[in-house]
Amino acid sequence: MQLLLRSAFIFLAAISTTFAEVHYCAVCQQYAEHYIRLDVYTEQEEILVCPKCYVLPKCTSCGTPVTDTGTRLPDRRYLCARDKAIALSTQYDCENAFRETKRDVMAILAGSGSLPDKGIKIKMSNLNNLTSLILTGGKSETSPIGDGHSKGMIMGLTASRLVGNDDWEHSIYIMDHLSPARFTAVAAHEYAHAWINENVRKGRALNANSIEGFCEWIAYKVMKSRNETIEREIILANQYTRGQVYAFIRADNSYRSYDVVKWIKDGKDDWVDFDAPNRILTLDQGPSISVLSLITVKTPVPSTLTLRGISGTAKRRFALINDKTLQPNEKGTVRLADTNVVVQCLSISSNAVVIQVLGDDKPTVLYLSSNH
């Protein structure tokens, strides 16, 4: 009997091992010979997707490939079924969400000057309208776009104007169809812009990166108070503040939030001797980005397009194809035997790259060799 039980356990263990090695595409739930690892914001780890699903349009909110259960918005953004279901799409819902966000930010900025309230108008905009406002500098509106807005972050912006001696009006534009958490992060960032426009003393010269870093720090604190881990990671992954968001977080940990807010407002404080932004907010590049280790390609180059290496971080990857290093959305000339082809890199995962060769009808998926 013991021998039979032992044999049964071995048999069951073998079955478990076999099933453990079988993977299915996280999107279509179908089996495939090859899978591509894909980073999405809704998961703590990479998901495995088949090549067919990998080339689908990606959800602009979470990065998941969008199937026919998702939707394409008029401004050509895509939403997966999950984000489509939770997206804030009406003016009413967005105004309610903004009121809650405003209370959270007011708690952070309390005691540091006037807190914009009644003079704020929330306006929902799609990507095309936001892009137009940024390109025109707000000239199509009655109030100009405030300084410090990143031209690369097109999910929200704030236009402020002084309508009396001390009365301000703020128009805050926020992209429609954002998830509740993403909307809150953007709303907190834009409210901080309105606060800066009302409170920073006249003549105070603030670097644009410091302004964006401060606004992102405010958003980060709101996300932290709400335990929104994914949105905090998104804020930290943003490169457009050039590390200033990390500097504000570090200053917040070393001093008090009130002191950091007072510094951004007045540029001075009685209890610590500093007279320049980098005395308290030394530029910090945050987590180090892997330096590309370019692989020397011997001549002649391969006669077929070959993915020779992937480097960088999960948020900023580079692919070495034959003799050319490309990043997502970059186009370049790649040597192919004794000739050249023009290749556009569409996306990069941890073990594959999707490219579009000039003249080909469909994208091509290149897999990283098992030797790497």
Protein backbone atom coordinates (compact mmCIF):
# COMPACT_ATOMS: atom_id res chain seq x y z
CA MET A 1 0.00 0.00 0.00
CA GLN A 2 2.81 2.46 0.83
CA LEU A 3 4.39 1.72 -2.54
CA LEU A 4 1.11 2.44 -4.31
CA LEU A 5 0.64 5.73 -2.42
CA ARG A 6 4.18 6.80 -3.21
CA SER A 7 3.66 6.02 -6.89
CA ALA A 8 0.40 8.00 -6.85
CA PHE A 9 2.13 11.04 -5.32
CA ILE A 10 4.88 10.90 -7.95
CA PHE A 11 2.26 10.63 -10.70
CA LEU A 12 0.30 13.61 -9.34
CA ALA A 13 3.50 15.67 -8.99
CA ALA A 14 4.34 14.94 -12.62
CA ILE A 15 0.88 16.09 -13.70
CA SER A 16 1.22 19.31 -11.65
CA THR A 17 4.60 20.05 -13.23
CA THR A 18 3.18 19.50 -16.71
CA PHE A 19 0.27 21.85 -16.11
CA ALA A 20 2.55 24.45 -14.51
CA GLU A 21 4.52 24.70 -17.74
CA VAL A 22 1.43 25.31 -19.89
CA HIS A 23 0.71 29.01 -20.36
CA TYR A 24 -2.20 30.76 -21.98
CA CYS A 25 -2.38 34.25 -23.37
CA ALA A 26 -3.60 36.65 -20.68
CA VAL A 27 -5.71 38.48 -23.28
CA CYS A 28 -7.34 35.86 -25.54
CA GLN A 29 -6.83 32.92 -23.16
CA GLN A 30 -5.52 30.79 -26.05
CA TYR A 31 -2.43 28.59 -26.11
CA ALA A 32 0.48 29.69 -28.30
CA GLU A 33 3.97 28.44 -29.11
CA HIS A 34 5.58 31.73 -28.07
CA TYR A 35 4.66 34.42 -25.59
CA ILE A 36 5.77 37.99 -25.01
CA ARG A 37 6.08 39.46 -21.55
CA LEU A 38 4.19 42.72 -21.26
CA ASP A 39 4.18 45.32 -18.48
CA VAL A 40 0.71 46.59 -17.59
CA TYR A 41 -0.18 48.98 -14.79
CA THR A 42 -2.98 46.83 -13.37
CA GLU A 43 -0.66 43.95 -12.50
CA GLN A 44 2.28 43.71 -10.13
CA GLU A 45 4.14 41.45 -12.55
CA GLU A 46 4.41 41.09 -16.30
CA ILE A 47 1.67 39.25 -18.15
CA LEU A 48 2.20 36.76 -20.97
CA VAL A 49 0.49 37.54 -24.27
CA CYS A 50 0.59 35.79 -27.62
CA PRO A 51 2.09 37.55 -30.68
CA LYS A 52 -1.36 38.06 -32.20
CA CYS A 53 -2.61 39.96 -29.14
CA TYR A 54 0.67 41.80 -28.60
CA VAL A 55 0.31 43.77 -31.84
CA LEU A 56 -3.21 44.94 -30.91
CA PRO A 57 -3.67 48.60 -29.92
CA LYS A 58 -2.78 49.19 -26.27
CA CYS A 59 -5.10 50.64 -23.65
CA THR A 60 -3.96 54.20 -22.97
CA SER A 61 -4.79 53.75 -19.30
CA CYS A 62 -3.16 50.45 -18.38
CA GLY A 63 -1.25 49.24 -21.46
CA THR A 64 -3.24 46.03 -21.93
CA PRO A 65 -3.91 44.99 -25.56
CA VAL A 66 -7.43 46.06 -26.53
CA THR A 67 -9.73 43.43 -28.05
CA ASP A 68 -13.20 43.93 -29.53
CA THR A 69 -14.58 44.14 -25.99
CA GLY A 70 -12.78 47.45 -25.55
CA THR A 71 -13.41 50.72 -27.31
CA ARG A 72 -11.74 53.36 -29.47
CA LEU A 73 -12.45 56.93 -28.42
CA PRO A 74 -13.00 59.72 -31.00
CA ASP A 75 -9.49 61.11 -30.33
CA ARG A 76 -7.99 57.70 -31.22
CA ARG A 77 -7.27 56.61 -27.65
CA TYR A 78 -8.09 53.02 -26.76
CA LEU A 79 -9.59 51.62 -23.58
CA CYS A 80 -9.70 47.97 -22.55
CA ALA A 81 -12.98 46.57 -21.24
CA ARG A 82 -11.91 47.04 -17.61
CA ASP A 83 -10.91 50.70 -17.96
CA LYS A 84 -13.90 51.40 -20.18
CA ALA A 85 -16.20 50.23 -17.36
CA ILE A 86 -14.63 52.45 -14.65
CA ALA A 87 -13.73 55.53 -16.72
CA LEU A 88 -15.09 58.92 -15.65
CA SER A 89 -16.92 60.08 -18.74
CA THR A 90 -19.52 62.61 -17.58
CA GLN A 91 -19.09 66.16 -16.35
CA TYR A 92 -21.11 65.34 -13.24
CA ASP A 93 -18.87 62.44 -12.19
CA CYS A 94 -15.72 64.45 -12.83
CA GLU A 95 -16.92 67.44 -10.81
CA ASN A 96 -17.74 65.17 -7.87
CA ALA A 97 -14.33 63.49 -8.10
CA PHE A 98 -12.63 66.89 -8.29
CA ARG A 99 -14.36 68.11 -5.12
CA GLU A 100 -13.00 65.13 -3.21
CA THR A 101 -9.52 65.69 -4.63
CA LYS A 102 -9.65 69.39 -3.81
CA ARG A 103 -10.33 68.60 -0.15
CA ASP A 104 -7.30 66.31 -0.01
CA VAL A 105 -5.00 68.91 -1.57
CA MET A 106 -6.37 71.68 0.64
CA ALA A 107 -5.40 69.61 3.68
CA ILE A 108 -1.80 69.47 2.38
CA LEU A 109 -1.64 73.20 1.59
CA ALA A 110 -3.57 74.42 4.66
CA GLY A 111 -2.00 77.46 6.31
CA SER A 112 0.09 78.32 3.26
CA GLY A 113 -1.86 81.09 1.63
CA SER A 114 -5.15 81.27 -0.22
CA LEU A 115 -6.73 77.99 -1.33
CA PRO A 116 -8.48 78.24 -4.72
CA ASP A 117 -12.09 77.14 -4.37
CA LYS A 118 -15.12 78.86 -5.87
CA GLY A 119 -13.23 80.35 -8.80
CA ILE A 120 -12.37 76.97 -10.35
CA LYS A 121 -14.16 75.60 -13.40
CA ILE A 122 -13.58 71.98 -14.40
CA LYS A 123 -13.69 71.36 -18.13
CA MET A 124 -13.50 67.89 -19.63
CA SER A 125 -11.44 67.67 -22.80
CA ASN A 126 -10.29 64.99 -25.17
CA LEU A 127 -6.71 64.58 -26.33
CA ASN A 128 -7.22 66.70 -29.46
CA ASN A 129 -8.57 69.68 -27.50
CA LEU A 130 -5.80 69.49 -24.90
CA THR A 131 -3.16 69.33 -27.62
CA SER A 132 -4.69 72.36 -29.33
CA LEU A 133 -4.70 74.36 -26.09
CA ILE A 134 -1.06 73.56 -25.44
CA LEU A 135 0.02 74.41 -28.99
CA THR A 136 -1.84 77.73 -28.95
CA GLY A 137 -0.73 78.60 -25.41
CA GLY A 138 -4.35 79.11 -24.42
CA LYS A 139 -4.92 81.85 -27.00
CA SER A 140 -8.18 80.23 -28.02
CA GLU A 141 -9.43 80.77 -24.46
CA THR A 142 -9.93 83.92 -22.41
CA SER A 143 -7.12 83.03 -20.00
CA PRO A 144 -3.55 82.04 -20.73
CA ILE A 145 -1.94 78.75 -19.82
CA GLY A 146 0.17 79.14 -16.69
CA ASP A 147 3.93 78.66 -16.76
CA GLY A 148 5.42 75.32 -15.88
CA HIS A 149 3.13 72.98 -17.75
CA SER A 150 4.95 70.12 -19.37
CA LYS A 151 4.38 69.93 -23.11
CA GLY A 152 4.72 66.16 -22.91
CA MET A 153 2.09 65.54 -20.22
CA ILE A 154 -1.23 65.99 -21.98
CA MET A 155 -3.76 64.76 -19.44
CA GLY A 156 -4.54 68.09 -17.86
CA LEU A 157 -3.66 71.77 -17.78
CA THR A 158 -4.65 74.90 -15.90
CA ALA A 159 -5.38 78.38 -17.22
CA SER A 160 -5.48 81.14 -14.58
CA ARG A 161 -6.21 84.84 -14.70
CA LEU A 162 -6.57 87.68 -12.21
CA VAL A 163 -10.01 89.28 -12.62
CA GLY A 164 -9.77 91.76 -9.73
CA ASN A 165 -7.37 92.94 -7.10
CA ASP A 166 -7.34 89.55 -5.38
CA ASP A 167 -9.86 87.50 -7.33
CA TRP A 168 -8.70 84.67 -9.55
CA GLU A 169 -10.44 82.47 -12.07
CA HIS A 170 -9.02 79.07 -12.94
CA SER A 171 -10.05 76.84 -15.81
CA ILE A 172 -8.80 73.31 -15.21
CA TYR A 173 -8.95 71.03 -18.22
CA ILE A 174 -8.75 67.31 -17.53
CA MET A 175 -8.80 64.51 -20.06
CA ASP A 176 -12.03 62.56 -20.24
CA HIS A 177 -12.35 58.80 -19.76
CA LEU A 178 -9.61 58.55 -17.14
CA SER A 179 -9.83 55.97 -14.37
CA PRO A 180 -10.91 57.42 -10.98
CA ALA A 181 -7.39 57.08 -9.58
CA ARG A 182 -5.73 58.61 -12.64
CA PHE A 183 -8.26 61.45 -12.65
CA THR A 184 -7.48 62.16 -8.99
CA ALA A 185 -3.73 62.29 -9.65
CA VAL A 186 -4.20 64.68 -12.59
CA ALA A 187 -6.70 66.82 -10.69
CA ALA A 188 -4.36 67.13 -7.70
CA HIS A 189 -1.52 68.15 -10.02
CA GLU A 190 -3.62 70.79 -11.75
CA TYR A 191 -5.00 72.18 -8.49
CA ALA A 192 -1.40 72.68 -7.39
CA HIS A 193 -0.84 74.77 -10.53
CA ALA A 194 -3.83 76.93 -9.59
CA TRP A 195 -2.43 77.34 -6.08
CA ILE A 196 0.97 78.37 -7.44
CA ASN A 197 -0.61 80.95 -9.75
CA GLU A 198 -2.46 82.53 -6.82
CA ASN A 199 0.19 82.31 -4.12
CA VAL A 200 3.75 82.41 -5.42
CA ARG A 201 5.02 85.91 -4.80
CA LYS A 202 5.52 88.26 -7.71
CA GLY A 203 9.04 88.14 -9.07
CA ARG A 204 9.70 84.66 -7.68
CA ALA A 205 11.59 82.89 -10.47
CA LEU A 206 10.79 79.21 -10.40
CA ASN A 207 12.30 76.70 -12.78
CA ALA A 208 9.67 74.94 -14.91
CA ASN A 209 10.96 71.56 -13.70
CA SER A 210 10.56 72.70 -10.09
CA ILE A 211 6.97 73.77 -10.77
CA GLU A 212 6.13 70.42 -12.36
CA GLY A 213 8.02 68.58 -9.62
CA PHE A 214 6.02 70.38 -6.92
CA CYS A 215 2.70 69.61 -8.64
CA GLU A 216 3.67 65.97 -9.03
CA TRP A 217 4.72 65.86 -5.37
CA ILE A 218 1.25 67.08 -4.38
CA ALA A 219 -0.32 64.37 -6.57
CA TYR A 220 2.05 61.80 -5.07
CA LYS A 221 1.02 62.73 -1.51
CA VAL A 222 -2.66 62.42 -2.40
CA MET A 223 -2.06 59.02 -4.01
CA LYS A 224 -0.09 57.92 -0.95
CA SER A 225 -2.90 58.95 1.39
CA ARG A 226 -5.32 56.90 -0.71
CA ASN A 227 -3.02 53.87 -0.94
CA GLU A 228 -2.95 54.09 -4.74
CA THR A 229 0.32 52.19 -5.28
CA ILE A 230 0.10 51.95 -9.06
CA GLU A 231 -0.53 55.67 -9.55
CA ARG A 232 2.40 56.48 -7.26
CA GLU A 233 4.61 54.29 -9.45
CA ILE A 234 3.37 56.10 -12.56
CA ILE A 235 4.23 59.47 -11.00
CA LEU A 236 7.72 58.29 -10.07
CA ALA A 237 8.26 56.83 -13.54
CA ASN A 238 7.58 60.17 -15.24
CA GLN A 239 10.79 61.65 -16.61
CA TYR A 240 9.50 65.09 -17.57
CA THR A 241 10.19 66.69 -14.17
CA ARG A 242 13.86 65.73 -14.61
CA GLY A 243 14.03 64.22 -11.15
CA GLN A 244 12.50 67.14 -9.26
CA VAL A 245 9.59 65.06 -7.94
CA TYR A 246 12.18 62.91 -6.12
CA ALA A 247 13.80 66.04 -4.70
CA PHE A 248 10.48 67.22 -3.28
CA ILE A 249 9.75 63.81 -1.78
CA ARG A 250 13.20 63.77 -0.20
CA ALA A 251 12.76 67.29 1.16
CA ASP A 252 9.36 66.30 2.56
CA ASN A 253 10.98 63.39 4.38
CA SER A 254 13.80 65.58 5.74
CA TYR A 255 11.73 68.60 6.79
CA ARG A 256 7.98 69.20 7.04
CA SER A 257 5.42 69.45 4.27
CA TYR A 258 4.60 72.96 5.48
CA ASP A 259 8.24 74.02 5.11
CA VAL A 260 8.48 72.64 1.58
CA VAL A 261 5.28 74.45 0.58
CA LYS A 262 6.56 77.65 2.18
CA TRP A 263 9.78 77.35 0.21
CA ILE A 264 7.99 77.00 -3.12
CA LYS A 265 5.88 80.04 -2.21
CA ASP A 266 8.47 82.43 -0.77
CA GLY A 267 11.88 80.99 -1.58
CA LYS A 268 13.15 81.53 1.94
CA ASP A 269 12.72 80.33 5.50
CA ASP A 270 13.99 81.50 8.87
CA TRP A 271 15.03 78.16 10.31
CA VAL A 272 17.37 76.95 7.57
CA ASP A 273 19.94 78.79 5.52
CA PHE A 274 19.38 78.33 1.82
CA ASP A 275 19.10 80.87 -0.94
CA ALA A 276 18.71 78.77 -4.07
CA PRO A 277 16.39 75.92 -5.07
CA ASN A 278 19.13 73.34 -5.18
CA ARG A 279 20.15 74.06 -1.58
CA ILE A 280 17.04 72.20 -0.40
CA LEU A 281 15.92 70.58 -3.62
CA THR A 282 19.10 69.25 -5.14
CA LEU A 283 18.34 67.83 -8.54
CA ASP A 284 17.93 64.10 -8.12
CA GLN A 285 17.55 61.80 -11.08
CA GLY A 286 15.72 59.21 -8.98
CA PRO A 287 16.18 55.49 -9.66
CA SER A 288 19.10 55.01 -11.98
CA ILE A 289 18.33 54.10 -15.55
CA SER A 290 20.48 51.35 -16.91
CA VAL A 291 23.12 52.66 -19.27
CA LEU A 292 22.98 50.99 -22.63
CA SER A 293 25.63 48.39 -23.14
CA LEU A 294 25.88 48.49 -26.88
CA ILE A 295 26.76 45.13 -28.36
CA THR A 296 29.44 45.32 -31.01
CA VAL A 297 28.05 43.99 -34.25
CA LYS A 298 30.60 42.24 -36.38
CA THR A 299 30.74 42.75 -40.13
CA PRO A 300 28.96 41.40 -42.05
CA VAL A 301 25.71 41.89 -40.18
CA PRO A 302 23.03 39.17 -40.18
CA SER A 303 21.14 38.55 -43.41
CA THR A 304 17.87 38.58 -41.44
CA LEU A 305 16.53 41.03 -38.90
CA THR A 306 17.72 39.78 -35.50
CA LEU A 307 16.97 41.05 -32.02
CA ARG A 308 20.43 41.03 -30.45
CA GLY A 309 19.70 42.64 -27.12
CA ILE A 310 17.24 44.53 -24.90
CA SER A 311 18.37 47.01 -22.27
CA GLY A 312 17.03 49.78 -20.08
CA THR A 313 14.21 49.61 -17.53
CA ALA A 314 10.64 48.33 -17.75
CA LYS A 315 9.47 51.92 -18.32
CA ARG A 316 12.18 52.83 -20.83
CA ARG A 317 13.52 50.00 -22.97
CA PHE A 318 15.91 49.90 -25.92
CA ALA A 319 16.24 47.17 -28.55
CA LEU A 320 19.38 46.34 -30.53
CA ILE A 321 18.30 45.09 -33.95
CA ASN A 322 21.25 43.99 -36.08
CA ASP A 323 23.45 47.11 -35.78
CA LYS A 324 20.80 49.64 -34.74
CA THR A 325 19.53 50.57 -31.26
CA LEU A 326 15.92 51.79 -31.23
CA GLN A 327 13.39 52.78 -28.60
CA PRO A 328 9.57 52.62 -28.97
CA ASN A 329 8.18 54.84 -31.77
CA GLU A 330 11.68 55.46 -33.13
CA LYS A 331 12.51 54.86 -36.80
CA GLY A 332 15.96 54.09 -38.17
CA THR A 333 18.00 52.48 -40.93
CA VAL A 334 19.10 48.95 -40.09
CA ARG A 335 21.86 47.12 -41.94
CA LEU A 336 20.77 43.85 -43.47
CA ALA A 337 23.61 41.85 -45.06
CA ASP A 338 24.85 44.12 -47.88
CA THR A 339 21.84 46.40 -47.88
CA ASN A 340 19.71 48.53 -45.54
CA VAL A 341 16.06 48.57 -44.50
CA VAL A 342 14.06 51.24 -42.70
CA VAL A 343 12.55 49.91 -39.49
CA GLN A 344 10.19 51.53 -37.01
CA CYS A 345 10.15 50.13 -33.49
CA LEU A 346 6.53 49.88 -32.31
CA SER A 347 6.98 48.39 -28.84
CA ILE A 348 9.47 46.50 -26.69
CA SER A 349 8.83 43.90 -24.00
CA SER A 350 11.40 42.11 -21.87
CA ASN A 351 11.96 39.37 -24.47
CA ALA A 352 10.60 40.62 -27.81
CA VAL A 353 10.15 43.64 -30.03
CA VAL A 354 7.44 44.54 -32.54
CA ILE A 355 8.71 46.37 -35.60
CA GLN A 356 7.29 47.69 -38.86
CA VAL A 357 9.59 47.32 -41.85
CA LEU A 358 9.06 49.97 -44.51
CA GLY A 359 7.22 48.34 -47.38
CA ASP A 360 5.75 45.46 -45.37
CA ASP A 361 2.00 45.24 -44.85
CA LYS A 362 2.08 43.85 -41.32
CA PRO A 363 4.26 44.32 -38.22
CA THR A 364 6.93 41.74 -37.40
CA VAL A 365 7.71 40.29 -33.98
CA LEU A 366 11.35 39.53 -33.20
CA TYR A 367 12.17 37.37 -30.20
CA LEU A 368 15.25 37.60 -28.05
CA SER A 369 17.49 34.57 -28.42
CA SER A 370 17.59 32.19 -25.47
CA ASN A 371 21.35 32.89 -25.30
CA HIS A 372 20.65 36.37 -23.89
